C-alpha atoms as a PDB file:
ATOM      1  CA  MET A   1      39.516 -64.006-163.397  1.00  0.00           C
ATOM      2  CA  PRO A   2      36.547 -63.717-164.974  1.00  0.00           C
ATOM      3  CA  ARG A   3      36.524 -62.540-168.428  1.00  0.00           C
ATOM      4  CA  PHE A   4      34.311 -59.491-169.185  1.00  0.00           C
ATOM      5  CA  PRO A   5      32.794 -58.648-172.517  1.00  0.00           C
ATOM      6  CA  SER A   6      34.654 -56.424-174.721  1.00  0.00           C
ATOM      7  CA  SER A   7      33.143 -52.654-175.629  1.00  0.00           C
ATOM      8  CA  ASN A   8      33.156 -54.088-178.949  1.00  0.00           C
ATOM      9  CA  ALA A   9      30.857 -56.925-178.394  1.00  0.00           C
ATOM     10  CA  ARG A  10      27.074 -56.374-179.270  1.00  0.00           C
ATOM     11  CA  THR A  11      25.184 -56.161-177.006  1.00  0.00           C
ATOM     12  CA  ARG A  12      21.998 -58.167-177.201  1.00  0.00           C
ATOM     13  CA  THR A  13      18.729 -55.834-176.727  1.00  0.00           C
ATOM     14  CA  GLN A  14      16.218 -57.208-174.978  1.00  0.00           C
ATOM     15  CA  PRO A  15      12.581 -57.765-176.197  1.00  0.00           C
ATOM     16  CA  SER A  16      10.498 -54.788-174.871  1.00  0.00           C
ATOM     17  CA  SER A  17       7.569 -55.476-172.710  1.00  0.00           C
ATOM     18  CA  SER A  18       5.467 -52.797-174.676  1.00  0.00           C
ATOM     19  CA  ARG A  19       3.499 -54.123-177.138  1.00  0.00           C
ATOM     20  CA  SER A  20       4.452 -53.920-180.305  1.00  0.00           C
ATOM     21  CA  LEU A  21       2.612 -51.299-182.841  1.00  0.00           C
ATOM     22  CA  SER A  22       1.121 -53.500-186.085  1.00  0.00           C
ATOM     23  CA  HIS A  23      -0.403 -52.268-189.593  1.00  0.00           C
ATOM     24  CA  SER A  24      -3.836 -53.524-188.357  1.00  0.00           C
ATOM     25  CA  ALA A  25      -3.792 -51.270-185.044  1.00  0.00           C
ATOM     26  CA  LEU A  26      -3.458 -48.361-187.567  1.00  0.00           C
ATOM     27  CA  PRO A  27      -6.670 -46.029-188.464  1.00  0.00           C
ATOM     28  CA  PRO A  28      -7.095 -46.715-191.616  1.00  0.00           C
ATOM     29  CA  PRO A  29      -6.476 -43.650-194.232  1.00  0.00           C
ATOM     30  CA  SER A  30      -9.025 -41.244-195.246  1.00  0.00           C
ATOM     31  CA  PRO A  31      -9.656 -41.978-198.346  1.00  0.00           C
ATOM     32  CA  ARG A  32      -9.220 -38.752-201.050  1.00  0.00           C
ATOM     33  CA  LYS A  33     -11.746 -36.415-202.041  1.00  0.00           C
ATOM     34  CA  ARG A  34     -12.772 -36.297-205.476  1.00  0.00           C
ATOM     35  CA  LEU A  35     -13.146 -33.097-206.940  1.00  0.00           C
ATOM     36  CA  ARG A  36     -16.377 -32.048-207.947  1.00  0.00           C
ATOM     37  CA  ALA A  37     -17.131 -29.799-210.751  1.00  0.00           C
ATOM     38  CA  PRO A  38     -18.813 -26.427-209.744  1.00  0.00           C
ATOM     39  CA  THR A  39     -22.690 -26.282-210.472  1.00  0.00           C
ATOM     40  CA  LEU A  40     -24.643 -23.504-211.952  1.00  0.00           C
ATOM     41  CA  HIS A  41     -26.169 -22.295-208.471  1.00  0.00           C
ATOM     42  CA  ASP A  42     -22.365 -22.431-207.364  1.00  0.00           C
ATOM     43  CA  CYS A  43     -21.095 -20.520-210.376  1.00  0.00           C
ATOM     44  CA  SER A  44     -23.663 -17.497-209.800  1.00  0.00           C
ATOM     45  CA  PRO A  45     -22.626 -14.839-208.476  1.00  0.00           C
ATOM     46  CA  ILE A  46     -25.933 -13.941-207.314  1.00  0.00           C
ATOM     47  CA  PRO A  47     -27.561 -15.533-204.216  1.00  0.00           C
ATOM     48  CA  LYS A  48     -30.690 -17.046-204.991  1.00  0.00           C
ATOM     49  CA  LEU A  49     -33.351 -14.501-202.312  1.00  0.00           C
ATOM     50  CA  ASP A  50     -31.464 -11.817-204.367  1.00  0.00           C
ATOM     51  CA  MET A  51     -32.670 -13.260-207.764  1.00  0.00           C
ATOM     52  CA  ASP A  52     -36.012 -14.234-206.718  1.00  0.00           C
ATOM     53  CA  GLN A  53     -36.620 -10.763-205.781  1.00  0.00           C
ATOM     54  CA  GLY A  54     -34.844  -9.365-208.292  1.00  0.00           C
ATOM     55  CA  VAL A  55     -37.141 -10.833-210.278  1.00  0.00           C
ATOM     56  CA  ARG A  56     -40.560 -10.168-208.416  1.00  0.00           C
ATOM     57  CA  THR A  57     -39.494  -6.640-208.546  1.00  0.00           C
ATOM     58  CA  ASP A  58     -38.883  -6.607-212.569  1.00  0.00           C
ATOM     59  CA  LEU A  59     -42.022  -8.592-213.169  1.00  0.00           C
ATOM     60  CA  LEU A  60     -44.379  -5.932-211.350  1.00  0.00           C
ATOM     61  CA  ALA A  61     -42.314  -2.915-212.766  1.00  0.00           C
ATOM     62  CA  SER A  62     -42.863  -4.900-216.074  1.00  0.00           C
ATOM     63  CA  GLN A  63     -46.555  -4.856-215.565  1.00  0.00           C
ATOM     64  CA  ALA A  64     -47.120  -1.104-214.887  1.00  0.00           C
ATOM     65  CA  ALA A  65     -45.093  -0.725-218.123  1.00  0.00           C
ATOM     66  CA  PHE A  66     -47.198  -2.313-219.994  1.00  0.00           C
ATOM     67  CA  LEU A  67     -50.790  -0.801-218.700  1.00  0.00           C
ATOM     68  CA  ARG A  68     -48.761   2.913-218.980  1.00  0.00           C
ATOM     69  CA  ALA A  69     -48.058   2.190-222.755  1.00  0.00           C
ATOM     70  CA  MET A  70     -51.645   0.688-223.653  1.00  0.00           C
ATOM     71  CA  GLY A  71     -52.700   4.220-225.085  1.00  0.00           C
ATOM     72  CA  ASN A  72     -49.571   4.568-227.407  1.00  0.00           C
ATOM     73  CA  ALA A  73     -48.184   2.136-230.051  1.00  0.00           C
ATOM     74  CA  ASP A  74     -44.626   3.544-229.719  1.00  0.00           C
ATOM     75  CA  ASP A  75     -44.111   2.470-225.847  1.00  0.00           C
ATOM     76  CA  LEU A  76     -46.274  -0.660-226.872  1.00  0.00           C
ATOM     77  CA  GLU A  77     -43.552  -1.758-228.995  1.00  0.00           C
ATOM     78  CA  ARG A  78     -40.984  -1.067-227.038  1.00  0.00           C
ATOM     79  CA  PHE A  79     -42.704  -2.866-224.480  1.00  0.00           C
ATOM     80  CA  ALA A  80     -42.944  -5.812-226.339  1.00  0.00           C
ATOM     81  CA  ARG A  81     -39.247  -5.752-227.582  1.00  0.00           C
ATOM     82  CA  GLN A  82     -38.606  -5.663-223.637  1.00  0.00           C
ATOM     83  CA  TRP A  83     -40.164  -8.017-222.583  1.00  0.00           C
ATOM     84  CA  GLU A  84     -39.297 -10.561-225.586  1.00  0.00           C
ATOM     85  CA  ARG A  85     -35.571 -10.457-224.278  1.00  0.00           C
ATOM     86  CA  LYS A  86     -36.681 -10.532-220.208  1.00  0.00           C
ATOM     87  CA  LEU A  87     -39.225 -13.745-220.690  1.00  0.00           C
ATOM     88  CA  PRO A  88     -35.972 -16.033-221.706  1.00  0.00           C
ATOM     89  CA  ARG A  89     -33.886 -15.179-218.949  1.00  0.00           C
ATOM     90  CA  ILE A  90     -36.908 -15.302-216.062  1.00  0.00           C
ATOM     91  CA  VAL A  91     -37.281 -19.323-217.532  1.00  0.00           C
ATOM     92  CA  ASP A  92     -33.608 -19.650-217.177  1.00  0.00           C
ATOM     93  CA  ALA A  93     -33.675 -18.321-213.877  1.00  0.00           C
ATOM     94  CA  ALA A  94     -36.372 -20.794-212.598  1.00  0.00           C
ATOM     95  CA  GLU A  95     -35.396 -23.663-214.448  1.00  0.00           C
ATOM     96  CA  ARG A  96     -31.931 -23.667-212.338  1.00  0.00           C
ATOM     97  CA  GLY A  97     -34.251 -23.591-209.087  1.00  0.00           C
ATOM     98  CA  LEU A  98     -33.397 -19.811-208.343  1.00  0.00           C
ATOM     99  CA  LEU A  99     -37.085 -18.545-208.163  1.00  0.00           C
ATOM    100  CA  SER A 100     -39.562 -19.493-205.391  1.00  0.00           C
ATOM    101  CA  GLN A 101     -43.131 -20.955-206.461  1.00  0.00           C
ATOM    102  CA  ASP A 102     -44.580 -17.645-205.640  1.00  0.00           C
ATOM    103  CA  THR A 103     -42.258 -15.690-208.033  1.00  0.00           C
ATOM    104  CA  ILE A 104     -42.839 -18.532-210.529  1.00  0.00           C
ATOM    105  CA  GLN A 105     -46.565 -18.157-210.253  1.00  0.00           C
ATOM    106  CA  LEU A 106     -46.337 -14.082-210.434  1.00  0.00           C
ATOM    107  CA  CYS A 107     -44.598 -14.595-213.865  1.00  0.00           C
ATOM    108  CA  HIS A 108     -46.997 -17.027-214.990  1.00  0.00           C
ATOM    109  CA  SER A 109     -50.224 -14.390-214.301  1.00  0.00           C
ATOM    110  CA  VAL A 110     -48.073 -11.662-215.576  1.00  0.00           C
ATOM    111  CA  ALA A 111     -47.742 -13.038-218.718  1.00  0.00           C
ATOM    112  CA  SER A 112     -51.002 -14.291-219.061  1.00  0.00           C
ATOM    113  CA  ARG A 113     -52.571 -10.952-218.358  1.00  0.00           C
ATOM    114  CA  VAL A 114     -50.348  -8.817-220.793  1.00  0.00           C
ATOM    115  CA  HIS A 115     -51.548 -11.826-223.175  1.00  0.00           C
ATOM    116  CA  VAL A 116     -55.035 -11.191-222.859  1.00  0.00           C
ATOM    117  CA  LEU A 117     -54.796  -7.353-222.545  1.00  0.00           C
ATOM    118  CA  ALA A 118     -53.331  -7.437-226.655  1.00  0.00           C
ATOM    119  CA  ALA A 119     -55.218  -9.935-227.916  1.00  0.00           C
ATOM    120  CA  ARG A 120     -57.566  -7.404-226.922  1.00  0.00           C
ATOM    121  CA  LEU A 121     -56.284  -4.070-227.743  1.00  0.00           C
ATOM    122  CA  HIS A 122     -55.269  -5.654-231.215  1.00  0.00           C
ATOM    123  CA  GLU A 123     -59.349  -6.954-231.550  1.00  0.00           C
ATOM    124  CA  LYS A 124     -60.083  -3.528-230.680  1.00  0.00           C
ATOM    125  CA  ASP A 125     -57.531  -2.006-233.104  1.00  0.00           C
ATOM    126  CA  ILE A 126     -59.066  -3.964-235.697  1.00  0.00           C
ATOM    127  CA  VAL A 127     -63.066  -2.308-235.169  1.00  0.00           C
ATOM    128  CA  VAL A 128     -61.476   0.614-234.758  1.00  0.00           C
ATOM    129  CA  ALA A 129     -60.298   0.687-238.351  1.00  0.00           C
ATOM    130  CA  GLY A 130     -63.088  -0.886-239.737  1.00  0.00           C
ATOM    131  CA  ILE A 131     -65.319   1.651-238.255  1.00  0.00           C
ATOM    132  CA  THR A 132     -62.712   4.413-239.342  1.00  0.00           C
ATOM    133  CA  ALA A 133     -62.424   3.536-242.741  1.00  0.00           C
ATOM    134  CA  ARG A 134     -66.403   3.188-242.954  1.00  0.00           C
ATOM    135  CA  ILE A 135     -66.769   6.556-241.563  1.00  0.00           C
ATOM    136  CA  THR A 136     -64.207   7.835-243.956  1.00  0.00           C
ATOM    137  CA  VAL A 137     -66.048   6.360-247.056  1.00  0.00           C
ATOM    138  CA  GLU A 138     -69.597   8.043-245.787  1.00  0.00           C
ATOM    139  CA  VAL A 139     -67.604  11.534-245.113  1.00  0.00           C
ATOM    140  CA  GLN A 140     -66.152  11.672-248.562  1.00  0.00           C
ATOM    141  CA  ASP A 141     -69.345  10.545-250.230  1.00  0.00           C
ATOM    142  CA  TYR A 142     -71.209  13.054-248.822  1.00  0.00           C
ATOM    143  CA  LEU A 143     -68.914  16.001-249.462  1.00  0.00           C
ATOM    144  CA  GLY A 144     -68.812  14.502-253.059  1.00  0.00           C
ATOM    145  CA  ALA A 145     -72.005  15.049-253.384  1.00  0.00           C
ATOM    146  CA  GLN A 146     -72.825  18.564-251.489  1.00  0.00           C
ATOM    147  CA  TRP A 147     -69.445  19.462-254.061  1.00  0.00           C
ATOM    148  CA  SER A 148     -71.317  18.704-257.015  1.00  0.00           C
ATOM    149  CA  SER A 149     -74.693  20.237-256.158  1.00  0.00           C
ATOM    150  CA  LYS A 150     -73.474  23.769-255.829  1.00  0.00           C
ATOM    151  CA  PHE A 151     -70.954  23.071-258.999  1.00  0.00           C
ATOM    152  CA  ILE A 152     -74.020  22.202-261.296  1.00  0.00           C
ATOM    153  CA  LEU A 153     -76.087  25.530-259.474  1.00  0.00           C
ATOM    154  CA  SER A 154     -72.746  27.786-260.365  1.00  0.00           C
ATOM    155  CA  THR A 155     -72.335  26.550-263.736  1.00  0.00           C
ATOM    156  CA  GLY A 156     -74.245  24.542-264.965  1.00  0.00           C
ATOM    157  CA  CYS A 157     -72.388  21.596-266.121  1.00  0.00           C
ATOM    158  CA  ARG A 158     -73.349  18.396-266.074  1.00  0.00           C
ATOM    159  CA  PRO A 159     -71.944  16.149-262.637  1.00  0.00           C
ATOM    160  CA  LYS A 160     -69.718  13.421-263.414  1.00  0.00           C
ATOM    161  CA  PRO A 161     -70.635   9.995-263.314  1.00  0.00           C
ATOM    162  CA  GLY A 162     -70.706   8.067-260.176  1.00  0.00           C
ATOM    163  CA  ILE A 163     -72.025  11.212-257.955  1.00  0.00           C
ATOM    164  CA  SER A 164     -76.253  11.747-258.098  1.00  0.00           C
ATOM    165  CA  SER A 165     -77.307  14.832-256.663  1.00  0.00           C
ATOM    166  CA  PRO A 166     -80.353  16.811-257.607  1.00  0.00           C
ATOM    167  CA  LEU A 167     -80.778  18.690-260.554  1.00  0.00           C
ATOM    168  CA  PRO A 168     -82.586  21.854-260.525  1.00  0.00           C
ATOM    169  CA  ARG A 169     -86.187  21.816-261.389  1.00  0.00           C
ATOM    170  CA  PRO A 170     -86.345  23.751-265.319  1.00  0.00           C
ATOM    171  CA  HIS A 171     -88.499  27.015-265.151  1.00  0.00           C
ATOM    172  CA  SER A 172     -91.681  26.572-266.578  1.00  0.00           C
ATOM    173  CA  SER A 173     -92.175  28.865-270.304  1.00  0.00           C
ATOM    174  CA  GLN A 174     -95.645  28.940-269.795  1.00  0.00           C
ATOM    175  CA  PRO A 175     -95.719  32.654-268.145  1.00  0.00           C
ATOM    176  CA  ASN A 176     -93.486  33.713-271.252  1.00  0.00           C
ATOM    177  CA  ASP A 177     -95.737  32.320-273.745  1.00  0.00           C
ATOM    178  CA  LEU A 178     -98.583  33.926-272.358  1.00  0.00           C
ATOM    179  CA  LEU A 179     -96.560  37.454-272.442  1.00  0.00           C
ATOM    180  CA  LEU A 180     -95.492  37.083-276.185  1.00  0.00           C
ATOM    181  CA  ALA A 181     -98.604  35.802-277.685  1.00  0.00           C
ATOM    182  CA  PRO A 182     -99.944  39.373-278.875  1.00  0.00           C
ATOM    183  CA  TYR A 183     -97.039  39.991-280.183  1.00  0.00           C
ATOM    184  CA  ARG A 184     -96.327  36.740-281.990  1.00  0.00           C
ATOM    185  CA  ARG A 185     -99.913  37.108-283.145  1.00  0.00           C
ATOM    186  CA  TRP A 186     -99.697  40.644-284.360  1.00  0.00           C
ATOM    187  CA  PHE A 187     -96.254  39.675-286.519  1.00  0.00           C
ATOM    188  CA  LEU A 188     -98.025  36.814-288.399  1.00  0.00           C
ATOM    189  CA  ASP A 189    -100.805  39.106-289.369  1.00  0.00           C
ATOM    190  CA  HIS A 190     -98.105  41.698-290.372  1.00  0.00           C
ATOM    191  CA  PHE A 191     -95.998  39.171-291.652  1.00  0.00           C
ATOM    192  CA  ALA A 192     -96.356  41.460-295.491  1.00  0.00           C
ATOM    193  CA  PHE A 193     -95.527  44.736-294.111  1.00  0.00           C
ATOM    194  CA  PRO A 194     -93.504  43.994-291.243  1.00  0.00           C
ATOM    195  CA  TYR A 195     -93.313  47.785-290.378  1.00  0.00           C
ATOM    196  CA  LEU A 196     -95.947  49.787-288.513  1.00  0.00           C
ATOM    197  CA  THR A 197     -97.698  52.164-290.171  1.00  0.00           C
ATOM    198  CA  ALA A 198     -99.112  55.007-289.505  1.00  0.00           C
ATOM    199  CA  ALA A 199    -102.704  53.687-288.234  1.00  0.00           C
ATOM    200  CA  ASP A 200    -100.728  51.336-286.087  1.00  0.00           C
ATOM    201  CA  LYS A 201     -98.825  54.170-284.242  1.00  0.00           C
END
């Protein structure tokens, strides 16, 4: 009688005909990406194009404001304070690469023009101040001479030292001497008898 294996006996698994997958057949794991620190470009809330256009518009507006302020000292002082605060921000944007080459050239052109015009205004102010001072001295001298002449003619007082004015020429006493000569002669002839006699009358 044939013997059959019992159900409790372990059956032997047959090797599979399919090729087993080895570790060498698996694709290599992808390398873990390192976290990159955010750069200034990533942190900037304003895109590069908007920053460039904004700086360009601001430069043109600053140039126009400077030309308008040239005739007023208060406006020039206000522009100088704004320009000092604005220029470092523009330089910082250029160093971060947020400005185009055209905008950088425009910045250089506007800054040079403002510097040249400001220097000429300063030289002009110095010249005008010198001319004004000289004219003021000449006017004061002229008015002082006129006042001194009028004061002498009206009061007969001597002029103040340092102020030259033409003195009035004294009147000649010769006409008075001719008129008084007969009376003087009679007085000398009649000194002993100063009163008129009946014959003299």
